[in-house]
Amino acid sequence: MQSLPTPRLVATDLDGTALRADGTVSPRTVAAFGRVEESGSVLIFVTGRPPRWMRGLAGVVRHHGLAICANGALIYDLHTEQIVESHLIAVDVLEEVVAQLRANVPELVFSVEYEGGFAHESDFRLGRLDSKAPDVLRLDAGALTARPCAKLLALHPGMGGDELYATVHGLVGNLVTATHSSGRGLIEMSAQGVTKASALAVLAARHDIKPSQAVAFGDMPNDLPMLSWAGTSYAVANAHPAVLAAVDHVTAANDDDGVALVLEELFG
């Protein structure tokens, strides 16, 4: 591996990257995160996950620091377990986006991640974590878009993620920032200009850290802005082809502790 200076900031995606396929963090990865913190460098989780999915992971970093959630829309304090900053989609924009998409892709069904909860249309097929959540609401379209949200999600029963992203971006890319991070036809939309990179850049500047002093890890298209921002970027071997083509380096797969392997080299 090329010799690199010890980074002042480590930014890592979670699902598919630092987490194993079963959603757990391996002891090796926990130890590697500890090395980063013990060195005095800043460790930031940068995830598409909402804050309500972060509670079980806060202990991995001893409830210390901040996490970037919902693809940059929400900043979450892991110690207090509170949202400390938000960048939401306004109601008028939300209504316009849903109207445009429903008119042009009628098969779409929608869900919304608010600052404090999640709601979905009746036909929206829930993922593994939300299907078990006790506080998920089922709402009609009018109620769904009645208040600002961190993330609007659109699910198509047949399209793949790459095809659906191109369609959605072409229709409403002037109103919201769209991306995707799962193997199914599910598009995640944030307020215009809000990405993992936009939030990470703000937090880095507060620590007087330059992009050249940062290393980032990811696996899916929602990680691309962050990977482009960081001075050094890594994809895990199981990453999306677009991510593998964009990064500086490729490490082992998430199930083989690829992130930990690199951190052990950088902070050994």
C-alpha atoms as a PDB file:
ATOM      1  CA  MET A   1       0.000   0.000   0.000  1.00  0.00           C
ATOM      2  CA  GLN A   2       1.266   3.483  -0.835  1.00  0.00           C
ATOM      3  CA  SER A   3       2.649   5.318   2.191  1.00  0.00           C
ATOM      4  CA  LEU A   4       0.321   8.145   3.163  1.00  0.00           C
ATOM      5  CA  PRO A   5       0.426  10.737   5.946  1.00  0.00           C
ATOM      6  CA  THR A   6      -1.874   9.993   8.866  1.00  0.00           C
ATOM      7  CA  PRO A   7      -5.218  11.605   7.987  1.00  0.00           C
ATOM      8  CA  ARG A   8      -6.744  14.159  10.320  1.00  0.00           C
ATOM      9  CA  LEU A   9     -10.256  13.025   9.381  1.00  0.00           C
ATOM     10  CA  VAL A  10     -11.709   9.605   8.595  1.00  0.00           C
ATOM     11  CA  ALA A  11     -15.189   9.572   7.059  1.00  0.00           C
ATOM     12  CA  THR A  12     -16.867   6.238   6.515  1.00  0.00           C
ATOM     13  CA  ASP A  13     -20.173   5.021   5.218  1.00  0.00           C
ATOM     14  CA  LEU A  14     -21.798   2.303   7.312  1.00  0.00           C
ATOM     15  CA  ASP A  15     -24.074  -0.157   5.489  1.00  0.00           C
ATOM     16  CA  GLY A  16     -22.166  -2.154   2.913  1.00  0.00           C
ATOM     17  CA  THR A  17     -18.893  -0.476   3.890  1.00  0.00           C
ATOM     18  CA  ALA A  18     -17.927  -0.515   7.581  1.00  0.00           C
ATOM     19  CA  LEU A  19     -20.809  -2.789   8.595  1.00  0.00           C
ATOM     20  CA  ARG A  20     -20.953  -6.432   7.634  1.00  0.00           C
ATOM     21  CA  ALA A  21     -23.819  -7.761   5.536  1.00  0.00           C
ATOM     22  CA  ASP A  22     -25.737  -8.700   8.683  1.00  0.00           C
ATOM     23  CA  GLY A  23     -25.543  -5.090   9.934  1.00  0.00           C
ATOM     24  CA  THR A  24     -22.992  -5.748  12.673  1.00  0.00           C
ATOM     25  CA  VAL A  25     -19.633  -4.083  13.321  1.00  0.00           C
ATOM     26  CA  SER A  26     -16.819  -6.599  13.691  1.00  0.00           C
ATOM     27  CA  PRO A  27     -14.506  -6.441  16.729  1.00  0.00           C
ATOM     28  CA  ARG A  28     -11.639  -5.732  14.337  1.00  0.00           C
ATOM     29  CA  THR A  29     -13.431  -2.689  12.933  1.00  0.00           C
ATOM     30  CA  VAL A  30     -14.340  -1.448  16.422  1.00  0.00           C
ATOM     31  CA  ALA A  31     -10.664  -1.672  17.370  1.00  0.00           C
ATOM     32  CA  ALA A  32      -9.633   0.169  14.203  1.00  0.00           C
ATOM     33  CA  PHE A  33     -12.079   2.989  14.949  1.00  0.00           C
ATOM     34  CA  GLY A  34     -10.538   3.190  18.400  1.00  0.00           C
ATOM     35  CA  ARG A  35      -7.107   3.689  16.854  1.00  0.00           C
ATOM     36  CA  VAL A  36      -8.398   6.653  14.870  1.00  0.00           C
ATOM     37  CA  GLU A  37      -9.839   8.343  17.948  1.00  0.00           C
ATOM     38  CA  GLU A  38      -6.802   7.588  20.106  1.00  0.00           C
ATOM     39  CA  SER A  39      -4.571   9.241  17.514  1.00  0.00           C
ATOM     40  CA  GLY A  40      -6.498  12.509  17.872  1.00  0.00           C
ATOM     41  CA  SER A  41      -7.963  12.325  14.377  1.00  0.00           C
ATOM     42  CA  VAL A  42     -11.659  12.940  13.771  1.00  0.00           C
ATOM     43  CA  LEU A  43     -13.876   9.948  12.949  1.00  0.00           C
ATOM     44  CA  ILE A  44     -17.252  10.665  11.356  1.00  0.00           C
ATOM     45  CA  PHE A  45     -19.918   8.181  10.312  1.00  0.00           C
ATOM     46  CA  VAL A  46     -21.459   9.472   7.073  1.00  0.00           C
ATOM     47  CA  THR A  47     -24.550   7.474   6.245  1.00  0.00           C
ATOM     48  CA  GLY A  48     -27.853   7.383   4.460  1.00  0.00           C
ATOM     49  CA  ARG A  49     -29.328   6.000   7.676  1.00  0.00           C
ATOM     50  CA  PRO A  50     -31.720   8.187   9.675  1.00  0.00           C
ATOM     51  CA  PRO A  51     -30.777   9.030  13.264  1.00  0.00           C
ATOM     52  CA  ARG A  52     -33.346   6.552  14.591  1.00  0.00           C
ATOM     53  CA  TRP A  53     -31.186   3.747  13.121  1.00  0.00           C
ATOM     54  CA  MET A  54     -28.024   5.034  14.836  1.00  0.00           C
ATOM     55  CA  ARG A  55     -28.740   4.288  18.488  1.00  0.00           C
ATOM     56  CA  GLY A  56     -27.307   0.793  18.361  1.00  0.00           C
ATOM     57  CA  LEU A  57     -24.109   2.048  16.739  1.00  0.00           C
ATOM     58  CA  ALA A  58     -23.313   4.950  19.066  1.00  0.00           C
ATOM     59  CA  GLY A  59     -21.534   2.631  21.474  1.00  0.00           C
ATOM     60  CA  VAL A  60     -19.039   1.668  18.785  1.00  0.00           C
ATOM     61  CA  VAL A  61     -17.419   5.084  19.228  1.00  0.00           C
ATOM     62  CA  ARG A  62     -18.218   5.326  22.948  1.00  0.00           C
ATOM     63  CA  HIS A  63     -21.110   7.731  22.222  1.00  0.00           C
ATOM     64  CA  HIS A  64     -18.557  10.298  21.059  1.00  0.00           C
ATOM     65  CA  GLY A  65     -18.694  12.755  18.179  1.00  0.00           C
ATOM     66  CA  LEU A  66     -21.114  13.562  15.410  1.00  0.00           C
ATOM     67  CA  ALA A  67     -22.640  11.485  12.626  1.00  0.00           C
ATOM     68  CA  ILE A  68     -23.873  12.733   9.267  1.00  0.00           C
ATOM     69  CA  CYS A  69     -27.231  11.061   8.622  1.00  0.00           C
ATOM     70  CA  ALA A  70     -29.824  10.944   5.829  1.00  0.00           C
ATOM     71  CA  ASN A  71     -27.175  11.616   3.162  1.00  0.00           C
ATOM     72  CA  GLY A  72     -26.168  14.935   4.709  1.00  0.00           C
ATOM     73  CA  ALA A  73     -29.575  16.285   5.689  1.00  0.00           C
ATOM     74  CA  LEU A  74     -29.200  15.661   9.430  1.00  0.00           C
ATOM     75  CA  ILE A  75     -26.258  16.028  11.816  1.00  0.00           C
ATOM     76  CA  TYR A  76     -26.638  13.750  14.826  1.00  0.00           C
ATOM     77  CA  ASP A  77     -24.839  14.009  18.167  1.00  0.00           C
ATOM     78  CA  LEU A  78     -23.936  10.452  19.188  1.00  0.00           C
ATOM     79  CA  HIS A  79     -23.470  11.447  22.838  1.00  0.00           C
ATOM     80  CA  THR A  80     -26.799  13.174  23.421  1.00  0.00           C
ATOM     81  CA  GLU A  81     -28.589  11.175  20.686  1.00  0.00           C
ATOM     82  CA  GLN A  82     -30.093  14.414  19.394  1.00  0.00           C
ATOM     83  CA  ILE A  83     -30.285  16.017  15.951  1.00  0.00           C
ATOM     84  CA  VAL A  84     -28.207  19.187  16.134  1.00  0.00           C
ATOM     85  CA  GLU A  85     -28.511  20.451  12.548  1.00  0.00           C
ATOM     86  CA  SER A  86     -30.931  19.839   9.693  1.00  0.00           C
ATOM     87  CA  HIS A  87     -31.345  20.729   6.015  1.00  0.00           C
ATOM     88  CA  LEU A  88     -34.885  19.856   5.013  1.00  0.00           C
ATOM     89  CA  ILE A  89     -36.944  19.714   1.831  1.00  0.00           C
ATOM     90  CA  ALA A  90     -39.557  22.480   2.040  1.00  0.00           C
ATOM     91  CA  VAL A  91     -43.224  21.555   1.749  1.00  0.00           C
ATOM     92  CA  ASP A  92     -43.808  23.351  -1.565  1.00  0.00           C
ATOM     93  CA  VAL A  93     -40.806  21.598  -3.126  1.00  0.00           C
ATOM     94  CA  LEU A  94     -41.864  18.260  -1.690  1.00  0.00           C
ATOM     95  CA  GLU A  95     -45.351  18.587  -3.134  1.00  0.00           C
ATOM     96  CA  GLU A  96     -44.005  19.608  -6.550  1.00  0.00           C
ATOM     97  CA  VAL A  97     -41.523  16.734  -6.685  1.00  0.00           C
ATOM     98  CA  VAL A  98     -44.132  14.113  -5.795  1.00  0.00           C
ATOM     99  CA  ALA A  99     -46.585  15.589  -8.310  1.00  0.00           C
ATOM    100  CA  GLN A 100     -43.997  15.594 -11.115  1.00  0.00           C
ATOM    101  CA  LEU A 101     -42.854  12.056 -10.417  1.00  0.00           C
ATOM    102  CA  ARG A 102     -46.345  10.631 -10.019  1.00  0.00           C
ATOM    103  CA  ALA A 103     -47.451  12.226 -13.282  1.00  0.00           C
ATOM    104  CA  ASN A 104     -44.510  10.781 -15.212  1.00  0.00           C
ATOM    105  CA  VAL A 105     -43.814   7.500 -13.389  1.00  0.00           C
ATOM    106  CA  PRO A 106     -47.189   6.441 -11.966  1.00  0.00           C
ATOM    107  CA  GLU A 107     -45.854   3.151 -10.583  1.00  0.00           C
ATOM    108  CA  LEU A 108     -43.822   4.979  -7.940  1.00  0.00           C
ATOM    109  CA  VAL A 109     -44.797   4.826  -4.294  1.00  0.00           C
ATOM    110  CA  PHE A 110     -43.357   7.172  -1.681  1.00  0.00           C
ATOM    111  CA  SER A 111     -42.116   7.386   1.863  1.00  0.00           C
ATOM    112  CA  VAL A 112     -40.690  10.265   3.866  1.00  0.00           C
ATOM    113  CA  GLU A 113     -38.028  10.540   6.553  1.00  0.00           C
ATOM    114  CA  TYR A 114     -38.846  13.428   8.880  1.00  0.00           C
ATOM    115  CA  GLU A 115     -36.570  14.823  11.571  1.00  0.00           C
ATOM    116  CA  GLY A 116     -38.386  12.706  14.122  1.00  0.00           C
ATOM    117  CA  GLY A 117     -39.934   9.753  12.340  1.00  0.00           C
ATOM    118  CA  PHE A 118     -40.851   7.902   9.172  1.00  0.00           C
ATOM    119  CA  ALA A 119     -44.068   7.602   7.173  1.00  0.00           C
ATOM    120  CA  HIS A 120     -45.017   5.737   4.003  1.00  0.00           C
ATOM    121  CA  GLU A 121     -47.826   5.151   1.559  1.00  0.00           C
ATOM    122  CA  SER A 122     -49.675   1.876   2.000  1.00  0.00           C
ATOM    123  CA  ASP A 123     -48.072   0.200  -1.040  1.00  0.00           C
ATOM    124  CA  PHE A 124     -44.509   1.140  -0.086  1.00  0.00           C
ATOM    125  CA  ARG A 125     -42.563  -2.061   0.607  1.00  0.00           C
ATOM    126  CA  LEU A 126     -40.631  -1.526   3.827  1.00  0.00           C
ATOM    127  CA  GLY A 127     -37.010  -2.559   4.258  1.00  0.00           C
ATOM    128  CA  ARG A 128     -35.680  -4.845   6.970  1.00  0.00           C
ATOM    129  CA  LEU A 129     -35.253  -2.247   9.724  1.00  0.00           C
ATOM    130  CA  ASP A 130     -38.419  -0.246   9.097  1.00  0.00           C
ATOM    131  CA  SER A 131     -40.578  -3.357   8.903  1.00  0.00           C
ATOM    132  CA  LYS A 132     -39.709  -3.985  12.578  1.00  0.00           C
ATOM    133  CA  ALA A 133     -39.959  -0.379  13.780  1.00  0.00           C
ATOM    134  CA  PRO A 134     -42.908   0.328  16.110  1.00  0.00           C
ATOM    135  CA  ASP A 135     -43.321   4.022  15.257  1.00  0.00           C
ATOM    136  CA  VAL A 136     -43.643   3.889  11.461  1.00  0.00           C
ATOM    137  CA  LEU A 137     -46.721   5.729  10.167  1.00  0.00           C
ATOM    138  CA  ARG A 138     -48.868   4.898   7.164  1.00  0.00           C
ATOM    139  CA  LEU A 139     -50.199   8.076   5.510  1.00  0.00           C
ATOM    140  CA  ASP A 140     -51.837   9.110   2.270  1.00  0.00           C
ATOM    141  CA  ALA A 141     -49.910  11.291  -0.178  1.00  0.00           C
ATOM    142  CA  GLY A 142     -51.400  14.552   1.045  1.00  0.00           C
ATOM    143  CA  ALA A 143     -50.450  13.943   4.651  1.00  0.00           C
ATOM    144  CA  LEU A 144     -47.055  12.588   3.644  1.00  0.00           C
ATOM    145  CA  THR A 145     -45.990  15.896   2.110  1.00  0.00           C
ATOM    146  CA  ALA A 146     -47.628  18.191   4.660  1.00  0.00           C
ATOM    147  CA  ARG A 147     -44.429  19.032   6.551  1.00  0.00           C
ATOM    148  CA  PRO A 148     -40.745  19.454   5.669  1.00  0.00           C
ATOM    149  CA  CYS A 149     -38.642  16.308   5.537  1.00  0.00           C
ATOM    150  CA  ALA A 150     -35.028  15.226   5.536  1.00  0.00           C
ATOM    151  CA  LYS A 151     -35.429  12.657   2.799  1.00  0.00           C
ATOM    152  CA  LEU A 152     -38.063  11.693   0.252  1.00  0.00           C
ATOM    153  CA  LEU A 153     -37.896   8.116  -0.998  1.00  0.00           C
ATOM    154  CA  ALA A 154     -39.444   6.788  -4.192  1.00  0.00           C
ATOM    155  CA  LEU A 155     -39.786   3.045  -4.804  1.00  0.00           C
ATOM    156  CA  HIS A 156     -40.440   1.433  -8.181  1.00  0.00           C
ATOM    157  CA  PRO A 157     -41.585  -2.207  -8.364  1.00  0.00           C
ATOM    158  CA  GLY A 158     -39.612  -3.038 -11.514  1.00  0.00           C
ATOM    159  CA  MET A 159     -36.816  -0.600 -12.333  1.00  0.00           C
ATOM    160  CA  GLY A 160     -33.270  -1.045 -11.111  1.00  0.00           C
ATOM    161  CA  GLY A 161     -31.571   1.670  -9.118  1.00  0.00           C
ATOM    162  CA  ASP A 162     -29.368   3.079 -11.875  1.00  0.00           C
ATOM    163  CA  GLU A 163     -32.205   3.335 -14.400  1.00  0.00           C
ATOM    164  CA  LEU A 164     -34.596   4.829 -11.890  1.00  0.00           C
ATOM    165  CA  TYR A 165     -31.998   7.364 -10.724  1.00  0.00           C
ATOM    166  CA  ALA A 166     -31.523   8.589 -14.301  1.00  0.00           C
ATOM    167  CA  THR A 167     -35.299   8.955 -14.704  1.00  0.00           C
ATOM    168  CA  VAL A 168     -35.840  10.765 -11.410  1.00  0.00           C
ATOM    169  CA  HIS A 169     -32.846  13.048 -11.844  1.00  0.00           C
ATOM    170  CA  GLY A 170     -34.063  14.011 -15.300  1.00  0.00           C
ATOM    171  CA  LEU A 171     -37.508  14.903 -14.001  1.00  0.00           C
ATOM    172  CA  VAL A 172     -36.796  16.672 -10.699  1.00  0.00           C
ATOM    173  CA  GLY A 173     -33.027  17.189 -10.542  1.00  0.00           C
ATOM    174  CA  ASN A 174     -33.639  20.933 -10.603  1.00  0.00           C
ATOM    175  CA  LEU A 175     -35.654  20.679  -7.369  1.00  0.00           C
ATOM    176  CA  VAL A 176     -33.888  18.066  -5.218  1.00  0.00           C
ATOM    177  CA  THR A 177     -30.664  16.071  -5.104  1.00  0.00           C
ATOM    178  CA  ALA A 178     -31.337  12.421  -5.898  1.00  0.00           C
ATOM    179  CA  THR A 179     -29.175   9.371  -5.279  1.00  0.00           C
ATOM    180  CA  HIS A 180     -29.471   5.684  -4.422  1.00  0.00           C
ATOM    181  CA  SER A 181     -27.781   3.265  -2.082  1.00  0.00           C
ATOM    182  CA  SER A 182     -29.560  -0.083  -2.244  1.00  0.00           C
ATOM    183  CA  GLY A 183     -29.871  -2.907  -4.698  1.00  0.00           C
ATOM    184  CA  ARG A 184     -33.541  -2.239  -5.363  1.00  0.00           C
ATOM    185  CA  GLY A 185     -35.293   0.497  -7.318  1.00  0.00           C
ATOM    186  CA  LEU A 186     -35.301   2.966  -4.449  1.00  0.00           C
ATOM    187  CA  ILE A 187     -34.300   6.599  -4.930  1.00  0.00           C
ATOM    188  CA  GLU A 188     -33.406   8.879  -2.012  1.00  0.00           C
ATOM    189  CA  MET A 189     -33.956  12.619  -2.453  1.00  0.00           C
ATOM    190  CA  SER A 190     -32.560  15.435  -0.307  1.00  0.00           C
ATOM    191  CA  ALA A 191     -32.906  19.198  -0.489  1.00  0.00           C
ATOM    192  CA  GLN A 192     -31.132  20.688  -3.482  1.00  0.00           C
ATOM    193  CA  GLY A 193     -27.366  20.609  -2.969  1.00  0.00           C
ATOM    194  CA  VAL A 194     -27.469  18.483   0.174  1.00  0.00           C
ATOM    195  CA  THR A 195     -25.106  15.510  -0.021  1.00  0.00           C
ATOM    196  CA  LYS A 196     -22.755  13.595   2.214  1.00  0.00           C
ATOM    197  CA  ALA A 197     -19.996  15.870   0.910  1.00  0.00           C
ATOM    198  CA  SER A 198     -21.787  19.140   1.660  1.00  0.00           C
ATOM    199  CA  ALA A 199     -22.268  18.184   5.312  1.00  0.00           C
ATOM    200  CA  LEU A 200     -18.782  16.706   5.639  1.00  0.00           C
ATOM    201  CA  ALA A 201     -17.166  19.844   4.229  1.00  0.00           C
ATOM    202  CA  VAL A 202     -18.893  21.993   6.865  1.00  0.00           C
ATOM    203  CA  LEU A 203     -17.833  19.745   9.751  1.00  0.00           C
ATOM    204  CA  ALA A 204     -14.272  19.509   8.436  1.00  0.00           C
ATOM    205  CA  ALA A 205     -14.016  23.290   8.162  1.00  0.00           C
ATOM    206  CA  ARG A 206     -15.068  23.621  11.814  1.00  0.00           C
ATOM    207  CA  HIS A 207     -12.020  21.514  12.711  1.00  0.00           C
ATOM    208  CA  ASP A 208      -9.817  23.428  10.242  1.00  0.00           C
ATOM    209  CA  ILE A 209      -9.339  20.232   8.249  1.00  0.00           C
ATOM    210  CA  LYS A 210      -8.724  20.405   4.500  1.00  0.00           C
ATOM    211  CA  PRO A 211     -10.019  17.782   2.041  1.00  0.00           C
ATOM    212  CA  SER A 212      -6.413  16.756   1.415  1.00  0.00           C
ATOM    213  CA  GLN A 213      -6.186  15.712   5.086  1.00  0.00           C
ATOM    214  CA  ALA A 214      -9.231  13.435   4.881  1.00  0.00           C
ATOM    215  CA  VAL A 215      -9.745   9.817   3.883  1.00  0.00           C
ATOM    216  CA  ALA A 216     -13.189   8.447   3.012  1.00  0.00           C
ATOM    217  CA  PHE A 217     -14.700   4.989   2.533  1.00  0.00           C
ATOM    218  CA  GLY A 218     -17.855   4.039   0.634  1.00  0.00           C
ATOM    219  CA  ASP A 219     -19.665   1.521  -1.522  1.00  0.00           C
ATOM    220  CA  MET A 220     -22.696   3.071  -3.245  1.00  0.00           C
ATOM    221  CA  PRO A 221     -23.566   6.052  -5.486  1.00  0.00           C
ATOM    222  CA  ASN A 222     -24.724   8.148  -2.511  1.00  0.00           C
ATOM    223  CA  ASP A 223     -21.075   8.011  -1.361  1.00  0.00           C
ATOM    224  CA  LEU A 224     -19.663   9.474  -4.581  1.00  0.00           C
ATOM    225  CA  PRO A 225     -19.803  13.170  -3.536  1.00  0.00           C
ATOM    226  CA  MET A 226     -18.002  12.357  -0.274  1.00  0.00           C
ATOM    227  CA  LEU A 227     -15.407  10.205  -2.038  1.00  0.00           C
ATOM    228  CA  SER A 228     -14.764  12.983  -4.558  1.00  0.00           C
ATOM    229  CA  TRP A 229     -14.395  15.559  -1.770  1.00  0.00           C
ATOM    230  CA  ALA A 230     -11.873  13.609   0.290  1.00  0.00           C
ATOM    231  CA  GLY A 231      -8.197  13.806  -0.586  1.00  0.00           C
ATOM    232  CA  THR A 232      -7.946  10.008  -0.463  1.00  0.00           C
ATOM    233  CA  SER A 233     -10.850   7.706  -1.280  1.00  0.00           C
ATOM    234  CA  TYR A 234     -11.405   3.983  -0.839  1.00  0.00           C
ATOM    235  CA  ALA A 235     -14.110   1.641  -2.043  1.00  0.00           C
ATOM    236  CA  VAL A 236     -14.726  -1.749  -0.525  1.00  0.00           C
ATOM    237  CA  ALA A 237     -14.456  -4.615  -3.022  1.00  0.00           C
ATOM    238  CA  ASN A 238     -18.226  -5.187  -2.982  1.00  0.00           C
ATOM    239  CA  ALA A 239     -18.936  -1.603  -4.089  1.00  0.00           C
ATOM    240  CA  HIS A 240     -21.123  -0.420  -6.970  1.00  0.00           C
ATOM    241  CA  PRO A 241     -19.209  -0.314 -10.292  1.00  0.00           C
ATOM    242  CA  ALA A 242     -19.471   3.492 -10.453  1.00  0.00           C
ATOM    243  CA  VAL A 243     -17.823   3.739  -7.049  1.00  0.00           C
ATOM    244  CA  LEU A 244     -15.065   1.285  -7.916  1.00  0.00           C
ATOM    245  CA  ALA A 245     -14.304   3.375 -11.009  1.00  0.00           C
ATOM    246  CA  ALA A 246     -14.188   6.669  -9.094  1.00  0.00           C
ATOM    247  CA  VAL A 247     -11.939   5.985  -6.098  1.00  0.00           C
ATOM    248  CA  ASP A 248      -8.196   6.156  -5.549  1.00  0.00           C
ATOM    249  CA  HIS A 249      -7.974   2.721  -3.909  1.00  0.00           C
ATOM    250  CA  VAL A 250      -9.982  -0.481  -3.441  1.00  0.00           C
ATOM    251  CA  THR A 251      -9.788  -2.435  -0.203  1.00  0.00           C
ATOM    252  CA  ALA A 252     -11.272  -5.761   0.846  1.00  0.00           C
ATOM    253  CA  ALA A 253     -15.039  -6.285   1.018  1.00  0.00           C
ATOM    254  CA  ASN A 254     -17.121  -5.178   3.984  1.00  0.00           C
ATOM    255  CA  ASP A 255     -17.463  -8.756   5.223  1.00  0.00           C
ATOM    256  CA  ASP A 256     -13.659  -9.049   5.137  1.00  0.00           C
ATOM    257  CA  ASP A 257     -13.095  -5.912   7.258  1.00  0.00           C
ATOM    258  CA  GLY A 258     -11.805  -3.811   4.373  1.00  0.00           C
ATOM    259  CA  VAL A 259     -12.141  -0.508   6.242  1.00  0.00           C
ATOM    260  CA  ALA A 260     -10.318  -1.880   9.285  1.00  0.00           C
ATOM    261  CA  LEU A 261      -7.518  -3.219   7.099  1.00  0.00           C
ATOM    262  CA  VAL A 262      -6.783   0.291   5.758  1.00  0.00           C
ATOM    263  CA  LEU A 263      -7.136   2.005   9.137  1.00  0.00           C
ATOM    264  CA  GLU A 264      -4.688  -0.445  10.684  1.00  0.00           C
ATOM    265  CA  GLU A 265      -2.147   0.605   8.038  1.00  0.00           C
ATOM    266  CA  LEU A 266      -2.830   4.311   8.412  1.00  0.00           C
ATOM    267  CA  PHE A 267      -2.939   4.373  12.212  1.00  0.00           C
ATOM    268  CA  GLY A 268      -0.688   1.421  13.059  1.00  0.00           C
END
